[in-house]
Amino acid sequence: MVKLVSQPVYGTIANYRIGIRTQMSKWCLIRFADADSVSKPGQLIGRKVVWTQGKKKLIGEIMGLHGKKGVVTVKFRKGVPGWAIGTSVELIG
């Protein structure tokens, strides 16, 4: 029996989810490299992502779409630090 290993999927943290006077550090906007329309990211809703930097590891869940260009919103369990914007996240499940 052959076990197929899929390629890991990476995305980039674009920004926090923001309001007029608020910045939500638990919610992030993430852009995946091969997603340029709504169809591919729409299939990822409910899956988990992980952001790792050294010993720090934050897990979040894709909650929905943001616009029509393939950006998704992710809610992390803890707040993401500001220097994490622009770094990569990995889709884990």
N, C-alpha and C. Protein backbone atom coordinates (compact mmCIF):
# COMPACT_ATOMS: atom_id res chain seq x y z
N MET A 1 0.84 -1.18 0.00
CA MET A 1 0.00 0.00 0.00
C MET A 1 0.89 1.24 0.00
N VAL A 2 0.62 2.15 -0.90
CA VAL A 2 1.40 3.37 -1.04
C VAL A 2 0.70 4.49 -0.29
N LYS A 3 1.45 5.17 0.56
CA LYS A 3 0.90 6.29 1.30
C LYS A 3 1.28 7.58 0.59
N LEU A 4 0.31 8.37 0.21
CA LEU A 4 0.55 9.62 -0.48
C LEU A 4 0.80 10.73 0.53
N VAL A 5 1.87 11.45 0.32
CA VAL A 5 2.21 12.57 1.20
C VAL A 5 1.94 13.85 0.41
N SER A 6 1.06 14.66 0.91
CA SER A 6 0.74 15.90 0.21
C SER A 6 1.75 16.98 0.59
N GLN A 7 1.86 17.95 -0.29
CA GLN A 7 2.75 19.07 -0.05
C GLN A 7 2.17 19.97 1.04
N PRO A 8 3.00 20.53 1.92
CA PRO A 8 2.46 21.46 2.92
C PRO A 8 1.99 22.74 2.25
N VAL A 9 0.93 23.32 2.80
CA VAL A 9 0.35 24.55 2.26
C VAL A 9 0.72 25.68 3.22
N TYR A 10 1.30 26.75 2.68
CA TYR A 10 1.73 27.89 3.48
C TYR A 10 0.96 29.14 3.08
N GLY A 11 0.76 29.99 4.05
CA GLY A 11 0.13 31.29 3.81
C GLY A 11 0.90 32.37 4.55
N THR A 12 0.53 33.60 4.32
CA THR A 12 1.21 34.75 4.93
C THR A 12 0.20 35.57 5.71
N ILE A 13 0.58 35.98 6.93
CA ILE A 13 -0.28 36.84 7.73
C ILE A 13 -0.22 38.24 7.12
N ALA A 14 -1.36 38.72 6.62
CA ALA A 14 -1.40 40.02 5.96
C ALA A 14 -1.61 41.15 6.97
N ASN A 15 -2.51 40.96 7.92
CA ASN A 15 -2.81 42.01 8.88
C ASN A 15 -3.72 41.44 9.97
N TYR A 16 -3.95 42.25 11.00
CA TYR A 16 -4.98 41.94 11.97
C TYR A 16 -6.34 42.29 11.38
N ARG A 17 -7.38 41.76 11.99
CA ARG A 17 -8.73 42.22 11.66
C ARG A 17 -8.93 43.49 12.45
N ILE A 18 -9.31 44.57 11.78
CA ILE A 18 -9.40 45.86 12.45
C ILE A 18 -10.78 46.47 12.27
N GLY A 19 -11.12 47.33 13.20
CA GLY A 19 -12.34 48.12 13.13
C GLY A 19 -11.98 49.59 13.10
N ILE A 20 -12.94 50.43 13.34
CA ILE A 20 -12.68 51.87 13.30
C ILE A 20 -11.72 52.28 14.40
N ARG A 21 -11.96 51.79 15.61
CA ARG A 21 -11.12 52.18 16.75
C ARG A 21 -10.48 50.98 17.45
N THR A 22 -10.60 49.80 16.88
CA THR A 22 -10.10 48.61 17.54
C THR A 22 -9.20 47.80 16.62
N GLN A 23 -8.36 47.00 17.25
CA GLN A 23 -7.50 46.07 16.54
C GLN A 23 -7.61 44.73 17.26
N MET A 24 -8.03 43.71 16.56
CA MET A 24 -8.26 42.41 17.18
C MET A 24 -7.06 41.52 16.94
N SER A 25 -6.23 41.33 17.95
CA SER A 25 -4.99 40.59 17.76
C SER A 25 -5.18 39.08 17.70
N LYS A 26 -6.37 38.59 18.08
CA LYS A 26 -6.65 37.16 17.94
C LYS A 26 -7.11 36.81 16.53
N TRP A 27 -7.60 37.78 15.78
CA TRP A 27 -8.10 37.57 14.43
C TRP A 27 -7.09 38.10 13.43
N CYS A 28 -6.73 37.29 12.45
CA CYS A 28 -5.77 37.71 11.42
C CYS A 28 -6.32 37.43 10.04
N LEU A 29 -5.85 38.21 9.09
CA LEU A 29 -6.16 37.99 7.68
C LEU A 29 -4.98 37.27 7.07
N ILE A 30 -5.23 36.15 6.43
CA ILE A 30 -4.15 35.33 5.88
C ILE A 30 -4.39 35.12 4.39
N ARG A 31 -3.31 35.32 3.62
CA ARG A 31 -3.35 35.13 2.18
C ARG A 31 -2.53 33.90 1.83
N PHE A 32 -3.15 32.92 1.18
CA PHE A 32 -2.45 31.73 0.74
C PHE A 32 -1.87 31.97 -0.65
N ALA A 33 -0.76 31.34 -0.94
CA ALA A 33 0.00 31.63 -2.15
C ALA A 33 -0.76 31.30 -3.43
N ASP A 34 -1.42 30.17 -3.50
CA ASP A 34 -2.05 29.74 -4.74
C ASP A 34 -3.54 30.10 -4.81
N ALA A 35 -4.03 30.88 -3.89
CA ALA A 35 -5.46 31.21 -3.86
C ALA A 35 -5.65 32.64 -4.39
N ASP A 36 -6.31 32.75 -5.54
CA ASP A 36 -6.57 34.07 -6.10
C ASP A 36 -8.06 34.32 -6.32
N SER A 37 -8.89 33.37 -5.95
CA SER A 37 -10.34 33.54 -6.05
C SER A 37 -10.98 32.95 -4.80
N VAL A 38 -12.30 32.97 -4.75
CA VAL A 38 -13.03 32.53 -3.56
C VAL A 38 -13.13 31.02 -3.48
N SER A 39 -13.03 30.30 -4.60
CA SER A 39 -13.32 28.87 -4.61
C SER A 39 -12.33 28.04 -3.78
N LYS A 40 -11.03 28.25 -3.93
CA LYS A 40 -10.06 27.44 -3.17
C LYS A 40 -10.08 27.74 -1.68
N PRO A 41 -10.01 29.01 -1.25
CA PRO A 41 -10.06 29.27 0.19
C PRO A 41 -11.40 28.91 0.83
N GLY A 42 -12.47 28.89 0.07
CA GLY A 42 -13.76 28.51 0.61
C GLY A 42 -13.80 27.08 1.09
N GLN A 43 -12.97 26.24 0.50
CA GLN A 43 -12.89 24.84 0.91
C GLN A 43 -12.06 24.65 2.19
N LEU A 44 -11.33 25.68 2.60
CA LEU A 44 -10.46 25.57 3.77
C LEU A 44 -11.14 25.98 5.07
N ILE A 45 -12.36 26.46 5.01
CA ILE A 45 -13.05 26.93 6.22
C ILE A 45 -13.22 25.78 7.20
N GLY A 46 -12.82 26.02 8.45
CA GLY A 46 -12.91 25.00 9.50
C GLY A 46 -11.59 24.27 9.74
N ARG A 47 -10.61 24.44 8.86
CA ARG A 47 -9.33 23.77 9.04
C ARG A 47 -8.41 24.59 9.94
N LYS A 48 -7.38 23.96 10.47
CA LYS A 48 -6.47 24.57 11.42
C LYS A 48 -5.20 25.08 10.73
N VAL A 49 -4.64 26.15 11.28
CA VAL A 49 -3.35 26.66 10.85
C VAL A 49 -2.47 26.80 12.08
N VAL A 50 -1.16 26.77 11.87
CA VAL A 50 -0.23 26.95 12.97
C VAL A 50 0.83 27.96 12.56
N TRP A 51 1.15 28.87 13.50
CA TRP A 51 2.21 29.84 13.32
C TRP A 51 3.30 29.48 14.32
N THR A 52 4.50 29.21 13.83
CA THR A 52 5.60 28.84 14.73
C THR A 52 6.75 29.82 14.53
N GLN A 53 7.38 30.16 15.63
CA GLN A 53 8.54 31.03 15.62
C GLN A 53 9.37 30.65 16.83
N GLY A 54 10.43 29.88 16.61
CA GLY A 54 11.24 29.41 17.71
C GLY A 54 10.43 28.43 18.56
N LYS A 55 10.34 28.70 19.86
CA LYS A 55 9.56 27.84 20.75
C LYS A 55 8.09 28.22 20.77
N LYS A 56 7.77 29.39 20.27
CA LYS A 56 6.39 29.87 20.29
C LYS A 56 5.58 29.22 19.17
N LYS A 57 4.40 28.72 19.51
CA LYS A 57 3.54 28.02 18.56
C LYS A 57 2.09 28.41 18.84
N LEU A 58 1.44 29.04 17.88
CA LEU A 58 0.05 29.46 18.04
C LEU A 58 -0.81 28.74 17.02
N ILE A 59 -1.94 28.21 17.47
CA ILE A 59 -2.85 27.46 16.60
C ILE A 59 -4.13 28.27 16.43
N GLY A 60 -4.61 28.30 15.20
CA GLY A 60 -5.85 29.02 14.89
C GLY A 60 -6.72 28.21 13.96
N GLU A 61 -7.95 28.69 13.77
CA GLU A 61 -8.91 28.02 12.90
C GLU A 61 -9.41 29.00 11.87
N ILE A 62 -9.51 28.55 10.62
CA ILE A 62 -10.02 29.39 9.54
C ILE A 62 -11.53 29.52 9.74
N MET A 63 -11.99 30.75 9.90
CA MET A 63 -13.39 31.00 10.23
C MET A 63 -14.22 31.42 9.03
N GLY A 64 -13.62 32.06 8.04
CA GLY A 64 -14.40 32.52 6.90
C GLY A 64 -13.55 33.24 5.89
N LEU A 65 -14.21 33.74 4.85
CA LEU A 65 -13.53 34.47 3.79
C LEU A 65 -13.52 35.96 4.11
N HIS A 66 -12.58 36.66 3.49
CA HIS A 66 -12.50 38.11 3.62
C HIS A 66 -12.36 38.67 2.22
N GLY A 67 -13.44 39.13 1.67
CA GLY A 67 -13.41 39.67 0.31
C GLY A 67 -13.47 38.59 -0.75
N LYS A 68 -13.12 38.97 -1.97
CA LYS A 68 -13.22 38.06 -3.11
C LYS A 68 -11.87 37.74 -3.74
N LYS A 69 -10.78 38.07 -3.07
CA LYS A 69 -9.45 37.85 -3.63
C LYS A 69 -8.72 36.67 -3.02
N GLY A 70 -9.40 35.85 -2.23
CA GLY A 70 -8.77 34.66 -1.68
C GLY A 70 -8.17 34.82 -0.30
N VAL A 71 -8.51 35.88 0.42
CA VAL A 71 -8.01 36.09 1.78
C VAL A 71 -9.00 35.48 2.76
N VAL A 72 -8.48 34.82 3.81
CA VAL A 72 -9.34 34.21 4.82
C VAL A 72 -9.09 34.85 6.17
N THR A 73 -10.09 34.75 7.06
CA THR A 73 -9.93 35.21 8.43
C THR A 73 -9.68 34.00 9.32
N VAL A 74 -8.73 34.17 10.22
CA VAL A 74 -8.35 33.09 11.14
C VAL A 74 -8.44 33.62 12.56
N LYS A 75 -9.06 32.82 13.44
CA LYS A 75 -9.11 33.17 14.86
C LYS A 75 -8.13 32.28 15.60
N PHE A 76 -7.13 32.92 16.22
CA PHE A 76 -6.13 32.20 17.01
C PHE A 76 -6.59 32.09 18.45
N ARG A 77 -6.05 31.12 19.16
CA ARG A 77 -6.43 30.92 20.55
C ARG A 77 -5.89 32.03 21.44
N LYS A 78 -4.69 32.49 21.14
CA LYS A 78 -4.08 33.63 21.84
C LYS A 78 -3.77 34.71 20.82
N GLY A 79 -3.49 35.90 21.30
CA GLY A 79 -3.18 37.00 20.40
C GLY A 79 -1.85 36.81 19.70
N VAL A 80 -1.80 37.21 18.45
CA VAL A 80 -0.59 37.10 17.64
C VAL A 80 0.23 38.38 17.84
N PRO A 81 1.55 38.28 18.08
CA PRO A 81 2.35 39.49 18.26
C PRO A 81 2.46 40.30 16.97
N GLY A 82 2.73 41.57 17.11
CA GLY A 82 2.78 42.46 15.95
C GLY A 82 3.87 42.13 14.96
N TRP A 83 4.99 41.61 15.44
CA TRP A 83 6.08 41.29 14.53
C TRP A 83 5.81 40.03 13.73
N ALA A 84 4.67 39.37 13.96
CA ALA A 84 4.32 38.18 13.18
C ALA A 84 3.68 38.53 11.85
N ILE A 85 3.28 39.79 11.66
CA ILE A 85 2.67 40.19 10.40
C ILE A 85 3.73 40.10 9.30
N GLY A 86 3.40 39.41 8.25
CA GLY A 86 4.33 39.18 7.15
C GLY A 86 5.03 37.84 7.21
N THR A 87 4.90 37.12 8.33
CA THR A 87 5.52 35.80 8.44
C THR A 87 4.56 34.74 7.94
N SER A 88 5.02 33.50 7.86
CA SER A 88 4.21 32.45 7.26
C SER A 88 3.52 31.59 8.31
N VAL A 89 2.40 31.02 7.89
CA VAL A 89 1.66 30.02 8.68
C VAL A 89 1.51 28.78 7.83
N GLU A 90 1.30 27.64 8.50
CA GLU A 90 1.15 26.38 7.79
C GLU A 90 -0.22 25.77 8.07
N LEU A 91 -0.84 25.27 7.03
CA LEU A 91 -2.12 24.59 7.16
C LEU A 91 -1.87 23.18 7.68
N ILE A 92 -2.49 22.82 8.84
CA ILE A 92 -2.16 21.53 9.45
C ILE A 92 -3.32 20.54 9.43
N GLY A 93 -4.51 20.95 9.21
CA GLY A 93 -5.56 19.93 9.24
C GLY A 93 -6.92 20.41 8.97
